[in-house]
Amino acid sequence: MRKVWLWGLISVIVLLSACSSKAESVDNQKGSSKKIQKIIVGTGTQFPNICFINEKGELTGYDIEIVKAIDEKLPEYEFEFKTMEFSNLLLSLETKKIDLIAHQMEVNKEREEKFLFNKEPYNVFPLKVTIHQDNNNIKSIDDLAGKNISVTPTSNSSVFIEEYNKKHNLGAHINYGTNTTDIINQLKTRRIDAIISTPFAAKFYNEQADAQQKVVGDTLLNSKVFFLLNKDETTLSDRVDEALLELKKEGIVSKLSKRWLGADYSVEF
């Protein structure tokens, strides 16, 4: 009887051990199948309060912190930033050196033809005429007739003013600059008459670089802002949208906008 009892006990231990090993094996298989995909996020370093290097030498700003919040929501992805000049972002995305652009990307026809925008906007970008603070002659876009304007190439500011200039026979002279510091200095020293910018950018430059800017007139364009991806990244785009919707419901998007931009620019002004 004792032998039978011992044999039964050994059998149970062996069986439990086998089950435990099997469960552990399944867990290991599950763990190994959950691969974290690295997403390279293209952004810049010279966009005030959006994507810039702070006094500690850290990359931060509204777009950066939004991406970090999205990263926390999506355990299957790991987001890594890669900084570059704005003019290089689209080419880097097209050649798949990056997977996603976070740089206040507004929708335009050229971008839509080549790339994929996610569906949920994370910002509304109010473009306004921005001039020197001592300039009292320019009060609206129509006062830019014959004036010198500087914009960043391929930006929505440049697309808008180019179209407006042609449609309304404004006769404005449009200059294209890629160096933000130079554009600021040109406006400050009155070598140009205006730029097309945002209230939060003017505020930042005034505080940080004594840019002596002011915005005037009505909002020219309330352009919704999205992330930009390649056409085949539909799964990533959908997951980003899901994360953004959660962050909006939790009030995180509004909170970050107020912190970095001075108001809730997740809604139209």
Protein backbone atom coordinates (compact mmCIF):
# COMPACT_ATOMS: atom_id res chain seq x y z
CA MET A 1 0.00 0.00 0.00
CA ARG A 2 2.88 2.34 0.89
CA LYS A 3 4.49 1.70 -2.53
CA VAL A 4 1.23 2.47 -4.29
CA TRP A 5 0.86 5.70 -2.32
CA LEU A 6 4.42 6.79 -3.11
CA TRP A 7 3.98 5.96 -6.77
CA GLY A 8 0.78 8.01 -6.88
CA LEU A 9 2.51 10.97 -5.20
CA ILE A 10 5.42 10.82 -7.64
CA SER A 11 2.98 10.69 -10.56
CA VAL A 12 1.17 13.79 -9.34
CA ILE A 13 4.47 15.68 -8.89
CA VAL A 14 5.63 14.68 -12.38
CA LEU A 15 2.27 15.71 -13.84
CA LEU A 16 2.31 19.09 -12.07
CA SER A 17 5.90 19.65 -13.14
CA ALA A 18 5.00 18.89 -16.75
CA CYS A 19 2.03 21.25 -16.62
CA SER A 20 4.19 23.94 -15.06
CA SER A 21 6.86 23.47 -17.73
CA LYS A 22 4.24 23.58 -20.45
CA ALA A 23 2.69 26.77 -19.06
CA GLU A 24 6.12 28.33 -18.70
CA SER A 25 6.94 27.33 -22.26
CA VAL A 26 3.71 28.92 -23.52
CA ASP A 27 4.47 32.09 -21.55
CA ASN A 28 7.94 32.19 -23.01
CA GLN A 29 6.54 31.70 -26.50
CA LYS A 30 4.07 34.52 -25.90
CA GLY A 31 6.81 36.74 -24.59
CA SER A 32 9.04 36.05 -27.55
CA SER A 33 6.23 36.73 -30.02
CA LYS A 34 5.55 40.19 -28.59
CA LYS A 35 8.20 42.09 -30.48
CA ILE A 36 8.41 45.80 -29.80
CA GLN A 37 8.63 47.77 -33.04
CA LYS A 38 10.87 50.82 -33.03
CA ILE A 39 9.34 53.91 -34.66
CA ILE A 40 11.73 56.65 -35.77
CA VAL A 41 10.05 60.02 -35.35
CA GLY A 42 11.39 62.85 -37.49
CA THR A 43 11.22 66.29 -35.89
CA GLY A 44 13.13 69.56 -35.60
CA THR A 45 14.93 71.65 -33.00
CA GLN A 46 14.07 75.25 -33.95
CA PHE A 47 10.28 75.46 -33.68
CA PRO A 48 9.51 77.45 -30.51
CA ASN A 49 7.52 75.51 -27.90
CA ILE A 50 6.81 72.81 -30.50
CA CYS A 51 10.11 71.00 -30.96
CA PHE A 52 13.22 72.72 -29.63
CA ILE A 53 16.26 72.31 -27.40
CA ASN A 54 15.71 73.81 -23.95
CA GLU A 55 18.30 75.44 -21.69
CA LYS A 56 19.26 72.00 -20.35
CA GLY A 57 20.06 70.77 -23.84
CA GLU A 58 16.97 68.53 -23.94
CA LEU A 59 14.63 68.04 -26.88
CA THR A 60 11.15 69.04 -25.76
CA GLY A 61 8.05 71.03 -26.72
CA TYR A 62 4.41 70.33 -27.49
CA ASP A 63 4.91 67.84 -30.34
CA ILE A 64 7.66 66.01 -28.46
CA GLU A 65 5.59 65.60 -25.29
CA ILE A 66 2.51 64.51 -27.28
CA VAL A 67 4.57 61.75 -28.93
CA LYS A 68 5.93 60.68 -25.55
CA ALA A 69 2.37 60.45 -24.19
CA ILE A 70 1.32 58.36 -27.22
CA ASP A 71 4.35 56.11 -26.67
CA GLU A 72 3.11 55.40 -23.12
CA LYS A 73 -0.23 54.26 -24.56
CA LEU A 74 1.21 51.89 -27.16
CA PRO A 75 3.33 49.12 -25.56
CA GLU A 76 3.93 47.40 -28.91
CA TYR A 77 5.90 50.41 -30.16
CA GLU A 78 8.99 52.28 -29.02
CA PHE A 79 9.24 55.84 -30.33
CA GLU A 80 12.68 57.32 -30.93
CA PHE A 81 13.30 60.90 -32.08
CA LYS A 82 15.58 61.89 -34.94
CA THR A 83 16.12 65.63 -35.42
CA MET A 84 16.82 67.40 -38.71
CA GLU A 85 16.09 70.55 -40.70
CA PHE A 86 12.41 70.94 -41.57
CA SER A 87 13.25 70.92 -45.29
CA ASN A 88 14.67 67.38 -44.96
CA LEU A 89 11.70 65.79 -43.18
CA LEU A 90 9.57 64.86 -46.19
CA LEU A 91 12.48 63.34 -48.12
CA SER A 92 13.54 61.36 -45.04
CA LEU A 93 10.00 59.98 -44.71
CA GLU A 94 9.80 59.15 -48.42
CA THR A 95 13.12 57.27 -48.29
CA LYS A 96 12.01 55.55 -45.06
CA LYS A 97 14.82 56.92 -42.94
CA ILE A 98 12.05 57.89 -40.53
CA ASP A 99 8.60 56.39 -39.93
CA LEU A 100 6.59 59.38 -38.75
CA ILE A 101 6.88 63.17 -38.78
CA ALA A 102 5.96 65.21 -35.70
CA HIS A 103 6.39 68.85 -36.72
CA GLN A 104 2.96 70.51 -36.88
CA MET A 105 2.26 68.98 -40.30
CA GLU A 106 -0.77 70.54 -41.93
CA VAL A 107 -2.65 68.93 -44.81
CA ASN A 108 -2.00 70.09 -48.35
CA LYS A 109 -2.57 68.47 -51.73
CA GLU A 110 1.09 67.65 -52.42
CA ARG A 111 1.55 65.90 -49.08
CA GLU A 112 -1.72 63.98 -49.40
CA GLU A 113 -0.68 62.57 -52.78
CA LYS A 114 2.54 61.06 -51.40
CA PHE A 115 1.91 60.36 -47.75
CA LEU A 116 -0.63 59.29 -45.13
CA PHE A 117 -2.01 61.62 -42.47
CA ASN A 118 -3.47 60.09 -39.33
CA LYS A 119 -7.17 60.91 -38.90
CA GLU A 120 -7.27 62.55 -35.46
CA PRO A 121 -5.75 66.08 -35.30
CA TYR A 122 -3.72 66.98 -32.24
CA ASN A 123 -3.54 70.72 -32.81
CA VAL A 124 -5.14 73.59 -34.71
CA PHE A 125 -2.53 75.91 -36.18
CA PRO A 126 -3.71 79.57 -36.38
CA LEU A 127 -1.64 81.38 -39.01
CA LYS A 128 -1.47 85.17 -38.82
CA VAL A 129 0.44 88.05 -40.36
CA THR A 130 3.37 88.78 -38.05
CA ILE A 131 5.25 92.07 -38.25
CA HIS A 132 7.71 94.24 -36.30
CA GLN A 133 6.14 95.62 -33.14
CA ASP A 134 6.79 99.22 -34.25
CA ASN A 135 5.11 98.77 -37.63
CA ASN A 136 1.72 100.47 -37.53
CA ASN A 137 1.09 100.49 -41.28
CA ILE A 138 0.33 96.79 -41.75
CA LYS A 139 -2.94 95.78 -40.11
CA SER A 140 -4.06 92.86 -42.29
CA ILE A 141 -2.92 90.58 -45.12
CA ASP A 142 -4.12 93.07 -47.75
CA ASP A 143 -1.60 95.60 -46.44
CA LEU A 144 1.18 93.25 -47.61
CA ALA A 145 0.75 94.43 -51.21
CA GLY A 146 4.22 95.00 -52.64
CA LYS A 147 5.86 94.06 -49.33
CA ASN A 148 8.65 91.58 -48.59
CA ILE A 149 7.54 88.41 -46.83
CA SER A 150 9.70 85.53 -45.61
CA VAL A 151 8.43 81.95 -45.22
CA THR A 152 9.87 78.46 -44.84
CA PRO A 153 9.72 76.45 -48.10
CA THR A 154 7.10 73.62 -48.28
CA SER A 155 5.38 74.91 -45.13
CA ASN A 156 1.66 75.67 -45.14
CA SER A 157 2.56 79.31 -44.55
CA SER A 158 4.39 79.36 -47.89
CA VAL A 159 1.61 77.47 -49.70
CA PHE A 160 -1.04 79.82 -48.33
CA ILE A 161 0.74 83.10 -49.11
CA GLU A 162 1.77 81.90 -52.59
CA GLU A 163 -1.86 81.10 -53.47
CA TYR A 164 -3.21 84.28 -51.87
CA ASN A 165 -0.60 86.38 -53.65
CA LYS A 166 -1.62 85.01 -57.05
CA LYS A 167 -5.37 84.96 -56.46
CA HIS A 168 -5.57 88.54 -55.15
CA ASN A 169 -2.78 90.05 -57.28
CA LEU A 170 -1.10 91.18 -54.08
CA GLY A 171 2.30 91.71 -55.69
CA ALA A 172 4.08 90.67 -52.52
CA HIS A 173 7.72 89.56 -52.77
CA ILE A 174 8.09 86.14 -51.18
CA ASN A 175 11.49 85.10 -49.82
CA TYR A 176 12.31 81.55 -48.74
CA GLY A 177 14.49 81.04 -45.71
CA THR A 178 15.48 77.79 -44.03
CA ASN A 179 17.25 79.36 -41.06
CA THR A 180 14.79 80.44 -38.37
CA THR A 181 17.31 82.68 -36.61
CA ASP A 182 18.02 84.57 -39.82
CA ILE A 183 14.30 85.09 -40.53
CA ILE A 184 13.82 86.46 -37.00
CA ASN A 185 16.73 88.86 -37.45
CA GLN A 186 15.48 89.98 -40.86
CA LEU A 187 12.12 90.97 -39.39
CA LYS A 188 13.71 92.56 -36.31
CA THR A 189 16.01 94.71 -38.45
CA ARG A 190 13.16 95.53 -40.85
CA ARG A 191 14.86 93.95 -43.88
CA ILE A 192 11.56 92.16 -44.48
CA ASP A 193 8.09 93.45 -43.72
CA ALA A 194 6.32 90.35 -42.47
CA ILE A 195 6.24 86.63 -41.87
CA ILE A 196 3.29 84.26 -41.60
CA SER A 197 3.42 82.77 -38.13
CA THR A 198 1.41 82.00 -34.98
CA PRO A 199 0.69 83.95 -31.76
CA PHE A 200 2.54 81.39 -29.64
CA ALA A 201 5.65 81.53 -31.87
CA ALA A 202 5.73 85.35 -31.71
CA LYS A 203 5.37 85.24 -27.93
CA PHE A 204 8.19 82.72 -27.59
CA TYR A 205 10.60 84.62 -29.85
CA ASN A 206 9.85 87.88 -28.04
CA GLU A 207 10.62 86.31 -24.67
CA GLN A 208 13.66 84.30 -25.75
CA ALA A 209 15.29 86.44 -28.45
CA ASP A 210 13.81 89.94 -28.13
CA ALA A 211 12.34 89.42 -31.60
CA GLN A 212 10.04 92.47 -31.33
CA GLN A 213 7.19 90.76 -33.16
CA LYS A 214 3.43 91.22 -33.06
CA VAL A 215 0.57 89.47 -34.85
CA VAL A 216 -2.10 91.49 -36.64
CA GLY A 217 -5.40 90.98 -38.43
CA ASP A 218 -7.68 87.99 -38.59
CA THR A 219 -6.55 84.39 -38.52
CA LEU A 220 -5.61 83.53 -42.10
CA LEU A 221 -5.87 79.80 -41.75
CA ASN A 222 -7.05 77.56 -38.92
CA SER A 223 -5.18 74.55 -40.16
CA LYS A 224 -5.57 71.22 -38.40
CA VAL A 225 -2.33 69.46 -37.54
CA PHE A 226 -1.62 65.75 -37.92
CA PHE A 227 1.23 63.25 -37.90
CA LEU A 228 2.55 62.27 -41.31
CA LEU A 229 3.42 58.69 -42.26
CA ASN A 230 4.07 56.59 -45.35
CA LYS A 231 1.01 55.19 -47.17
CA ASP A 232 1.63 51.62 -45.98
CA GLU A 233 1.68 52.52 -42.27
CA THR A 234 -2.08 52.21 -41.76
CA THR A 235 -1.80 50.05 -38.62
CA LEU A 236 0.53 52.50 -36.90
CA SER A 237 -1.70 55.40 -37.97
CA ASP A 238 -4.80 53.72 -36.50
CA ARG A 239 -3.02 52.98 -33.21
CA VAL A 240 -1.80 56.58 -32.96
CA ASP A 241 -5.41 57.75 -33.46
CA GLU A 242 -6.63 55.43 -30.71
CA ALA A 243 -3.99 56.74 -28.32
CA LEU A 244 -4.77 60.38 -29.21
CA LEU A 245 -8.49 59.91 -28.57
CA GLU A 246 -7.71 58.48 -25.13
CA LEU A 247 -5.34 61.37 -24.36
CA LYS A 248 -7.99 63.89 -25.40
CA LYS A 249 -10.62 62.26 -23.18
CA GLU A 250 -8.15 62.30 -20.28
CA GLY A 251 -7.47 66.02 -20.84
CA ILE A 252 -3.76 65.42 -21.52
CA VAL A 253 -3.78 67.06 -24.98
CA SER A 254 -5.48 70.19 -23.65
CA LYS A 255 -3.10 70.32 -20.68
CA LEU A 256 0.00 70.03 -22.87
CA SER A 257 -1.31 72.68 -25.28
CA LYS A 258 -1.92 75.16 -22.45
CA ARG A 259 1.50 74.43 -20.98
CA TRP A 260 3.52 74.81 -24.17
CA LEU A 261 1.39 77.08 -26.35
CA GLY A 262 -0.36 79.25 -23.77
CA ALA A 263 -3.90 78.18 -24.70
CA ASP A 264 -5.87 75.12 -25.76
CA TYR A 265 -5.00 74.97 -29.45
CA SER A 266 -6.58 71.54 -29.77
CA VAL A 267 -9.74 73.49 -30.63
CA GLU A 268 -10.22 76.17 -33.29
CA PHE A 269 -9.71 79.84 -32.41
